[in-house]
């Protein structure tokens, strides 16, 4: 039994590291987003703004991809390992909420990866900001539901 606890700690403790890395990338994404959002006016041909948008797009795609292809899977596996039926049900609803924001992120990336026309950037950043706020809140609840809730069981 002690060996099983040790294995669980080793296995699910690693999820904390994945989450920590992911949340660090969230912080970098937010810094880039805020810096770009603070620009009052962006002139045509503003190379610095164009570069900032491309960096934001890359961070956005990396963050969203890591969530969908790494973090959420780990959280679901942890919930399954602890037979947390209620947590897994809640996670399904949270995933639907998160997934609804993915289209906004992908559309933003697709639009600004293909153009140097930043005339509607302020409006699009505003829409993206709302989606990110919704996404981050749902992701935080998913982490609490499927990971943080099991920490006592790992000790």
N, C-alpha and C. Protein backbone atom coordinates (compact mmCIF):
# COMPACT_ATOMS: atom_id res chain seq x y z
N UNK A 1 0.82 -1.18 0.00
CA UNK A 1 0.00 0.00 0.00
C UNK A 1 0.87 1.26 0.00
N UNK A 2 1.93 1.25 0.80
CA UNK A 2 2.83 2.39 0.83
C UNK A 2 3.46 2.60 -0.54
N UNK A 3 3.79 1.52 -1.21
CA UNK A 3 4.37 1.61 -2.55
C UNK A 3 3.38 2.23 -3.53
N UNK A 4 2.10 1.88 -3.41
CA UNK A 4 1.07 2.48 -4.26
C UNK A 4 0.96 3.98 -4.02
N UNK A 5 1.05 4.39 -2.77
CA UNK A 5 0.99 5.82 -2.46
C UNK A 5 2.20 6.53 -3.06
N UNK A 6 3.36 5.90 -2.94
CA UNK A 6 4.55 6.51 -3.51
C UNK A 6 4.41 6.64 -5.02
N UNK A 7 3.91 5.61 -5.65
CA UNK A 7 3.72 5.66 -7.10
C UNK A 7 2.72 6.74 -7.48
N UNK A 8 1.65 6.87 -6.72
CA UNK A 8 0.66 7.90 -7.00
C UNK A 8 1.29 9.28 -6.84
N UNK A 9 2.07 9.46 -5.77
CA UNK A 9 2.72 10.75 -5.56
C UNK A 9 3.65 11.07 -6.72
N UNK A 10 4.44 10.09 -7.14
CA UNK A 10 5.36 10.32 -8.25
C UNK A 10 4.59 10.61 -9.54
N UNK A 11 3.54 9.84 -9.77
CA UNK A 11 2.79 10.00 -11.01
C UNK A 11 2.04 11.32 -11.05
N UNK A 12 1.26 11.61 -10.03
CA UNK A 12 0.40 12.79 -10.06
C UNK A 12 1.13 14.04 -9.61
N UNK A 13 2.24 13.88 -8.89
CA UNK A 13 3.08 15.03 -8.59
C UNK A 13 3.65 15.64 -9.86
N UNK A 14 3.90 14.79 -10.86
CA UNK A 14 4.37 15.26 -12.17
C UNK A 14 3.35 16.13 -12.87
N UNK A 15 2.08 15.90 -12.59
CA UNK A 15 1.03 16.73 -13.18
C UNK A 15 1.18 18.16 -12.68
N UNK A 16 1.59 18.31 -11.43
CA UNK A 16 1.81 19.66 -10.88
C UNK A 16 2.87 20.40 -11.69
N UNK A 17 3.91 19.70 -12.08
CA UNK A 17 4.97 20.32 -12.89
C UNK A 17 4.44 20.72 -14.26
N UNK A 18 3.63 19.88 -14.87
CA UNK A 18 3.03 20.20 -16.17
C UNK A 18 2.14 21.42 -16.03
N UNK A 19 1.33 21.44 -14.99
CA UNK A 19 0.44 22.57 -14.75
C UNK A 19 1.24 23.84 -14.49
N UNK A 20 2.30 23.73 -13.69
CA UNK A 20 3.13 24.90 -13.39
C UNK A 20 3.74 25.49 -14.66
N UNK A 21 4.27 24.63 -15.53
CA UNK A 21 4.83 25.11 -16.80
C UNK A 21 3.77 25.78 -17.65
N UNK A 22 2.60 25.18 -17.69
CA UNK A 22 1.49 25.69 -18.48
C UNK A 22 1.01 27.04 -17.95
N UNK A 23 0.91 27.15 -16.63
CA UNK A 23 0.49 28.42 -16.04
C UNK A 23 1.55 29.50 -16.24
N UNK A 24 2.80 29.11 -16.29
CA UNK A 24 3.86 30.07 -16.60
C UNK A 24 3.69 30.58 -18.04
N UNK A 25 3.34 29.68 -18.96
CA UNK A 25 3.12 30.12 -20.35
C UNK A 25 1.87 31.00 -20.43
N UNK A 26 0.89 30.74 -19.56
CA UNK A 26 -0.30 31.61 -19.49
C UNK A 26 0.12 33.02 -19.08
N UNK A 27 1.01 33.10 -18.11
CA UNK A 27 1.48 34.41 -17.65
C UNK A 27 2.19 35.16 -18.77
N UNK A 28 3.03 34.47 -19.53
CA UNK A 28 3.71 35.10 -20.66
C UNK A 28 2.72 35.56 -21.72
N UNK A 29 1.72 34.75 -21.97
CA UNK A 29 0.66 35.11 -22.91
C UNK A 29 -0.06 36.38 -22.45
N UNK A 30 -0.38 36.44 -21.18
CA UNK A 30 -1.07 37.62 -20.64
C UNK A 30 -0.22 38.88 -20.72
N UNK A 31 1.08 38.75 -20.47
CA UNK A 31 1.97 39.90 -20.58
C UNK A 31 1.96 40.44 -22.01
N UNK A 32 2.10 39.54 -22.97
CA UNK A 32 2.08 39.96 -24.38
C UNK A 32 0.74 40.57 -24.75
N UNK A 33 -0.34 39.94 -24.29
CA UNK A 33 -1.68 40.45 -24.58
C UNK A 33 -1.85 41.86 -24.02
N UNK A 34 -1.46 42.06 -22.77
CA UNK A 34 -1.62 43.38 -22.13
C UNK A 34 -0.75 44.44 -22.79
N UNK A 35 0.47 44.09 -23.13
CA UNK A 35 1.35 45.06 -23.79
C UNK A 35 0.75 45.52 -25.12
N UNK A 36 0.20 44.58 -25.86
CA UNK A 36 -0.40 44.92 -27.15
C UNK A 36 -1.70 45.70 -26.95
N UNK A 37 -2.48 45.32 -25.95
CA UNK A 37 -3.76 45.99 -25.68
C UNK A 37 -3.56 47.42 -25.22
N UNK A 38 -2.43 47.72 -24.60
CA UNK A 38 -2.17 49.06 -24.08
C UNK A 38 -1.86 50.07 -25.18
N UNK A 39 -1.51 49.59 -26.35
CA UNK A 39 -1.21 50.51 -27.46
C UNK A 39 -2.49 51.25 -27.84
N UNK A 40 -2.41 52.55 -27.81
CA UNK A 40 -3.60 53.38 -28.09
C UNK A 40 -3.94 53.39 -29.57
N UNK A 41 -2.95 53.62 -30.40
CA UNK A 41 -3.19 53.67 -31.84
C UNK A 41 -2.06 52.94 -32.55
N UNK A 42 -2.44 52.18 -33.53
CA UNK A 42 -1.45 51.44 -34.29
C UNK A 42 -1.54 51.92 -35.74
N UNK A 43 -0.46 52.46 -36.20
CA UNK A 43 -0.42 52.99 -37.57
C UNK A 43 -0.17 51.86 -38.56
N UNK A 44 -0.63 52.07 -39.80
CA UNK A 44 -0.33 51.11 -40.86
C UNK A 44 1.18 50.99 -40.99
N UNK A 45 1.65 49.77 -41.11
CA UNK A 45 3.08 49.53 -41.30
C UNK A 45 3.88 49.58 -40.01
N UNK A 46 3.23 49.56 -38.86
CA UNK A 46 3.91 49.55 -37.57
C UNK A 46 4.53 48.17 -37.36
N UNK A 47 5.81 48.06 -37.72
CA UNK A 47 6.51 46.76 -37.69
C UNK A 47 6.59 46.19 -36.28
N UNK A 48 6.75 47.05 -35.28
CA UNK A 48 6.82 46.58 -33.90
C UNK A 48 5.49 45.94 -33.49
N UNK A 49 4.39 46.59 -33.84
CA UNK A 49 3.07 46.04 -33.53
C UNK A 49 2.83 44.73 -34.28
N UNK A 50 3.23 44.68 -35.54
CA UNK A 50 3.08 43.45 -36.33
C UNK A 50 3.85 42.31 -35.68
N UNK A 51 5.07 42.60 -35.23
CA UNK A 51 5.88 41.58 -34.56
C UNK A 51 5.22 41.15 -33.25
N UNK A 52 4.70 42.10 -32.50
CA UNK A 52 4.03 41.79 -31.23
C UNK A 52 2.80 40.91 -31.44
N UNK A 53 2.06 41.18 -32.51
CA UNK A 53 0.88 40.38 -32.82
C UNK A 53 1.30 38.95 -33.17
N UNK A 54 2.35 38.80 -33.93
CA UNK A 54 2.81 37.45 -34.30
C UNK A 54 3.30 36.68 -33.07
N UNK A 55 3.98 37.36 -32.17
CA UNK A 55 4.42 36.72 -30.93
C UNK A 55 3.21 36.28 -30.12
N UNK A 56 2.23 37.18 -30.00
CA UNK A 56 1.00 36.84 -29.28
C UNK A 56 0.31 35.62 -29.91
N UNK A 57 0.24 35.61 -31.22
CA UNK A 57 -0.39 34.48 -31.91
C UNK A 57 0.33 33.18 -31.60
N UNK A 58 1.65 33.18 -31.62
CA UNK A 58 2.41 31.96 -31.33
C UNK A 58 2.18 31.50 -29.90
N UNK A 59 2.21 32.45 -28.96
CA UNK A 59 1.98 32.10 -27.56
C UNK A 59 0.56 31.56 -27.36
N UNK A 60 -0.38 32.17 -28.04
CA UNK A 60 -1.78 31.76 -27.94
C UNK A 60 -1.96 30.33 -28.44
N UNK A 61 -1.40 30.03 -29.60
CA UNK A 61 -1.52 28.68 -30.17
C UNK A 61 -0.81 27.66 -29.27
N UNK A 62 0.37 28.00 -28.79
CA UNK A 62 1.10 27.09 -27.91
C UNK A 62 0.32 26.81 -26.63
N UNK A 63 -0.24 27.85 -26.04
CA UNK A 63 -0.99 27.71 -24.80
C UNK A 63 -2.24 26.85 -25.00
N UNK A 64 -3.02 27.19 -26.01
CA UNK A 64 -4.26 26.45 -26.28
C UNK A 64 -3.94 24.99 -26.61
N UNK A 65 -2.91 24.76 -27.41
CA UNK A 65 -2.53 23.40 -27.78
C UNK A 65 -2.08 22.59 -26.56
N UNK A 66 -1.27 23.19 -25.71
CA UNK A 66 -0.81 22.49 -24.51
C UNK A 66 -2.00 22.10 -23.63
N UNK A 67 -2.97 22.98 -23.52
CA UNK A 67 -4.16 22.65 -22.74
C UNK A 67 -4.89 21.47 -23.33
N UNK A 68 -5.18 21.54 -24.61
CA UNK A 68 -5.97 20.49 -25.24
C UNK A 68 -5.23 19.16 -25.38
N UNK A 69 -3.94 19.21 -25.63
CA UNK A 69 -3.22 17.97 -25.94
C UNK A 69 -2.34 17.45 -24.82
N UNK A 70 -2.27 18.17 -23.72
CA UNK A 70 -1.42 17.69 -22.63
C UNK A 70 -2.12 17.85 -21.28
N UNK A 71 -2.45 19.05 -20.90
CA UNK A 71 -2.91 19.32 -19.54
C UNK A 71 -4.27 18.69 -19.26
N UNK A 72 -5.26 18.93 -20.11
CA UNK A 72 -6.60 18.41 -19.85
C UNK A 72 -6.58 16.88 -19.78
N UNK A 73 -5.81 16.24 -20.67
CA UNK A 73 -5.70 14.78 -20.65
C UNK A 73 -5.14 14.29 -19.32
N UNK A 74 -4.11 14.96 -18.82
CA UNK A 74 -3.52 14.57 -17.54
C UNK A 74 -4.53 14.74 -16.40
N UNK A 75 -5.27 15.83 -16.43
CA UNK A 75 -6.27 16.06 -15.39
C UNK A 75 -7.37 15.00 -15.43
N UNK A 76 -7.82 14.66 -16.61
CA UNK A 76 -8.86 13.62 -16.76
C UNK A 76 -8.33 12.27 -16.26
N UNK A 77 -7.09 11.94 -16.64
CA UNK A 77 -6.50 10.68 -16.17
C UNK A 77 -6.40 10.65 -14.65
N UNK A 78 -6.05 11.77 -14.06
CA UNK A 78 -5.97 11.83 -12.60
C UNK A 78 -7.35 11.62 -11.98
N UNK A 79 -8.36 12.28 -12.52
CA UNK A 79 -9.73 12.09 -12.02
C UNK A 79 -10.18 10.65 -12.14
N UNK A 80 -9.82 10.01 -13.25
CA UNK A 80 -10.17 8.59 -13.45
C UNK A 80 -9.43 7.70 -12.46
N UNK A 81 -8.17 7.97 -12.22
CA UNK A 81 -7.37 7.16 -11.30
C UNK A 81 -7.92 7.24 -9.88
N UNK A 82 -8.46 8.38 -9.51
CA UNK A 82 -9.04 8.56 -8.17
C UNK A 82 -10.53 8.27 -8.15
N UNK A 83 -11.05 7.77 -9.28
CA UNK A 83 -12.46 7.42 -9.42
C UNK A 83 -13.36 8.57 -8.95
N UNK A 84 -13.02 9.75 -9.40
CA UNK A 84 -13.73 10.97 -9.03
C UNK A 84 -14.84 11.24 -10.04
N UNK A 85 -15.93 10.49 -9.93
CA UNK A 85 -17.03 10.59 -10.88
C UNK A 85 -17.63 11.99 -10.91
N UNK A 86 -17.83 12.58 -9.76
CA UNK A 86 -18.41 13.93 -9.71
C UNK A 86 -17.46 14.94 -10.35
N UNK A 87 -16.17 14.82 -10.07
CA UNK A 87 -15.19 15.72 -10.65
C UNK A 87 -15.12 15.59 -12.16
N UNK A 88 -15.20 14.35 -12.65
CA UNK A 88 -15.15 14.12 -14.10
C UNK A 88 -16.39 14.69 -14.79
N UNK A 89 -17.54 14.59 -14.14
CA UNK A 89 -18.77 15.17 -14.70
C UNK A 89 -18.64 16.70 -14.76
N UNK A 90 -18.14 17.28 -13.70
CA UNK A 90 -17.95 18.73 -13.69
C UNK A 90 -16.93 19.13 -14.76
N UNK A 91 -15.89 18.32 -14.93
CA UNK A 91 -14.86 18.60 -15.93
C UNK A 91 -15.44 18.60 -17.34
N UNK A 92 -16.41 17.74 -17.62
CA UNK A 92 -17.05 17.74 -18.95
C UNK A 92 -17.70 19.07 -19.24
N UNK A 93 -18.42 19.60 -18.27
CA UNK A 93 -19.07 20.90 -18.45
C UNK A 93 -18.03 22.00 -18.60
N UNK A 94 -16.98 21.94 -17.80
CA UNK A 94 -15.91 22.94 -17.90
C UNK A 94 -15.21 22.85 -19.24
N UNK A 95 -15.00 21.65 -19.74
CA UNK A 95 -14.35 21.47 -21.03
C UNK A 95 -15.18 22.10 -22.15
N UNK A 96 -16.49 21.95 -22.08
CA UNK A 96 -17.37 22.58 -23.09
C UNK A 96 -17.21 24.10 -23.04
N UNK A 97 -17.11 24.64 -21.84
CA UNK A 97 -16.93 26.08 -21.67
C UNK A 97 -15.57 26.51 -22.25
N UNK A 98 -14.55 25.73 -21.97
CA UNK A 98 -13.20 26.02 -22.49
C UNK A 98 -13.20 25.91 -24.01
N UNK A 99 -13.79 24.84 -24.50
CA UNK A 99 -13.80 24.58 -25.93
C UNK A 99 -14.48 25.71 -26.71
N UNK A 100 -15.49 26.32 -26.11
CA UNK A 100 -16.18 27.41 -26.80
C UNK A 100 -15.26 28.62 -27.01
N UNK A 101 -14.21 28.74 -26.21
CA UNK A 101 -13.28 29.86 -26.37
C UNK A 101 -12.17 29.54 -27.37
N UNK A 102 -12.02 28.29 -27.69
CA UNK A 102 -10.95 27.89 -28.60
C UNK A 102 -11.15 28.50 -29.99
N UNK A 103 -12.38 28.53 -30.45
CA UNK A 103 -12.65 29.10 -31.77
C UNK A 103 -12.22 30.57 -31.85
N UNK A 104 -12.46 31.32 -30.79
CA UNK A 104 -12.06 32.73 -30.77
C UNK A 104 -10.54 32.84 -30.89
N UNK A 105 -9.83 32.01 -30.13
CA UNK A 105 -8.36 32.02 -30.17
C UNK A 105 -7.84 31.61 -31.55
N UNK A 106 -8.41 30.57 -32.11
CA UNK A 106 -7.96 30.09 -33.43
C UNK A 106 -8.28 31.11 -34.51
N UNK A 107 -9.47 31.71 -34.44
CA UNK A 107 -9.85 32.73 -35.43
C UNK A 107 -8.91 33.93 -35.35
N UNK A 108 -8.58 34.36 -34.14
CA UNK A 108 -7.65 35.47 -33.96
C UNK A 108 -6.31 35.13 -34.58
N UNK A 109 -5.81 33.95 -34.26
CA UNK A 109 -4.52 33.52 -34.81
C UNK A 109 -4.56 33.47 -36.33
N UNK A 110 -5.58 32.84 -36.88
CA UNK A 110 -5.67 32.70 -38.34
C UNK A 110 -5.72 34.07 -39.02
N UNK A 111 -6.48 34.98 -38.46
CA UNK A 111 -6.62 36.30 -39.06
C UNK A 111 -5.30 37.05 -39.05
N UNK A 112 -4.63 37.09 -37.91
CA UNK A 112 -3.45 37.94 -37.78
C UNK A 112 -2.15 37.27 -38.20
N UNK A 113 -2.19 35.99 -38.41
CA UNK A 113 -1.02 35.31 -38.95
C UNK A 113 -0.91 35.56 -40.45
N UNK A 114 -2.05 35.85 -41.07
CA UNK A 114 -2.11 36.00 -42.52
C UNK A 114 -2.15 37.44 -43.01
N UNK A 115 -2.17 38.42 -42.09
CA UNK A 115 -2.34 39.80 -42.54
C UNK A 115 -1.48 40.76 -41.73
N UNK A 116 -1.16 41.88 -42.35
CA UNK A 116 -0.50 42.98 -41.65
C UNK A 116 -1.51 44.10 -41.40
N UNK A 117 -2.78 43.87 -41.75
CA UNK A 117 -3.83 44.86 -41.54
C UNK A 117 -4.28 44.78 -40.08
N UNK A 118 -3.88 45.77 -39.31
CA UNK A 118 -4.19 45.78 -37.88
C UNK A 118 -5.32 46.76 -37.54
N UNK A 119 -6.10 47.13 -38.54
CA UNK A 119 -7.14 48.15 -38.34
C UNK A 119 -8.22 47.71 -37.35
N UNK A 120 -8.50 46.43 -37.25
CA UNK A 120 -9.53 45.96 -36.31
C UNK A 120 -8.92 45.24 -35.11
N UNK A 121 -7.62 45.46 -34.88
CA UNK A 121 -6.93 44.76 -33.80
C UNK A 121 -7.54 45.06 -32.43
N UNK A 122 -7.83 46.31 -32.15
CA UNK A 122 -8.39 46.67 -30.83
C UNK A 122 -9.67 45.92 -30.54
N UNK A 123 -10.57 45.88 -31.51
CA UNK A 123 -11.84 45.17 -31.36
C UNK A 123 -11.59 43.67 -31.18
N UNK A 124 -10.69 43.12 -31.98
CA UNK A 124 -10.40 41.69 -31.90
C UNK A 124 -9.69 41.32 -30.59
N UNK A 125 -8.83 42.20 -30.11
CA UNK A 125 -8.17 41.96 -28.81
C UNK A 125 -9.20 41.98 -27.69
N UNK A 126 -10.17 42.87 -27.79
CA UNK A 126 -11.22 42.93 -26.78
C UNK A 126 -12.01 41.62 -26.72
N UNK A 127 -12.38 41.12 -27.90
CA UNK A 127 -13.10 39.85 -27.99
C UNK A 127 -12.24 38.70 -27.47
N UNK A 128 -10.98 38.70 -27.84
CA UNK A 128 -10.06 37.67 -27.37
C UNK A 128 -9.91 37.75 -25.85
N UNK A 129 -9.82 38.96 -25.31
CA UNK A 129 -9.68 39.13 -23.87
C UNK A 129 -10.85 38.53 -23.09
N UNK A 130 -12.05 38.73 -23.59
CA UNK A 130 -13.24 38.15 -22.94
C UNK A 130 -13.15 36.62 -22.99
N UNK A 131 -12.77 36.09 -24.14
CA UNK A 131 -12.66 34.63 -24.29
C UNK A 131 -11.58 34.07 -23.36
N UNK A 132 -10.45 34.76 -23.28
CA UNK A 132 -9.37 34.29 -22.40
C UNK A 132 -9.79 34.32 -20.93
N UNK A 133 -10.50 35.36 -20.55
CA UNK A 133 -10.97 35.45 -19.16
C UNK A 133 -11.89 34.26 -18.83
N UNK A 134 -12.79 33.95 -19.73
CA UNK A 134 -13.70 32.81 -19.56
C UNK A 134 -12.91 31.51 -19.50
N UNK A 135 -11.96 31.37 -20.41
CA UNK A 135 -11.15 30.16 -20.50
C UNK A 135 -10.33 29.95 -19.23
N UNK A 136 -9.64 31.00 -18.79
CA UNK A 136 -8.77 30.86 -17.62
C UNK A 136 -9.58 30.50 -16.37
N UNK A 137 -10.75 31.09 -16.22
CA UNK A 137 -11.59 30.78 -15.06
C UNK A 137 -12.03 29.31 -15.09
N UNK A 138 -12.44 28.83 -16.25
CA UNK A 138 -12.86 27.43 -16.38
C UNK A 138 -11.68 26.48 -16.18
N UNK A 139 -10.52 26.83 -16.72
CA UNK A 139 -9.33 25.99 -16.53
C UNK A 139 -8.95 25.92 -15.06
N UNK A 140 -9.01 27.05 -14.37
CA UNK A 140 -8.67 27.06 -12.95
C UNK A 140 -9.63 26.18 -12.16
N UNK A 141 -10.91 26.22 -12.50
CA UNK A 141 -11.89 25.35 -11.82
C UNK A 141 -11.61 23.89 -12.14
N UNK A 142 -11.18 23.59 -13.37
CA UNK A 142 -10.87 22.21 -13.72
C UNK A 142 -9.66 21.72 -12.93
N UNK A 143 -8.66 22.55 -12.79
CA UNK A 143 -7.48 22.19 -11.99
C UNK A 143 -7.89 21.93 -10.55
N UNK A 144 -8.71 22.81 -10.00
CA UNK A 144 -9.18 22.62 -8.61
C UNK A 144 -9.98 21.34 -8.47
N UNK A 145 -10.82 21.06 -9.45
CA UNK A 145 -11.71 19.90 -9.39
C UNK A 145 -10.97 18.58 -9.56
N UNK A 146 -10.03 18.52 -10.48
CA UNK A 146 -9.41 17.24 -10.82
C UNK A 146 -7.98 17.07 -10.31
N UNK A 147 -7.37 18.11 -9.83
CA UNK A 147 -6.00 17.96 -9.34
C UNK A 147 -5.86 18.39 -7.89
N UNK A 148 -6.16 19.62 -7.61
CA UNK A 148 -6.01 20.13 -6.25
C UNK A 148 -6.86 19.33 -5.26
N UNK A 149 -8.03 18.90 -5.68
CA UNK A 149 -8.92 18.14 -4.81
C UNK A 149 -8.31 16.81 -4.37
N UNK A 150 -7.34 16.30 -5.09
CA UNK A 150 -6.74 14.99 -4.76
C UNK A 150 -5.42 15.11 -4.02
N UNK A 151 -4.95 16.32 -3.78
CA UNK A 151 -3.64 16.49 -3.14
C UNK A 151 -3.56 15.76 -1.80
N UNK A 152 -4.62 15.82 -0.99
CA UNK A 152 -4.60 15.15 0.30
C UNK A 152 -4.49 13.64 0.16
N UNK A 153 -5.02 13.10 -0.92
CA UNK A 153 -4.95 11.67 -1.15
C UNK A 153 -3.54 11.24 -1.57
N UNK A 154 -2.73 12.18 -2.03
CA UNK A 154 -1.37 11.86 -2.44
C UNK A 154 -0.40 11.87 -1.26
N UNK A 155 -0.74 12.56 -0.22
CA UNK A 155 0.18 12.70 0.92
C UNK A 155 0.33 11.43 1.72
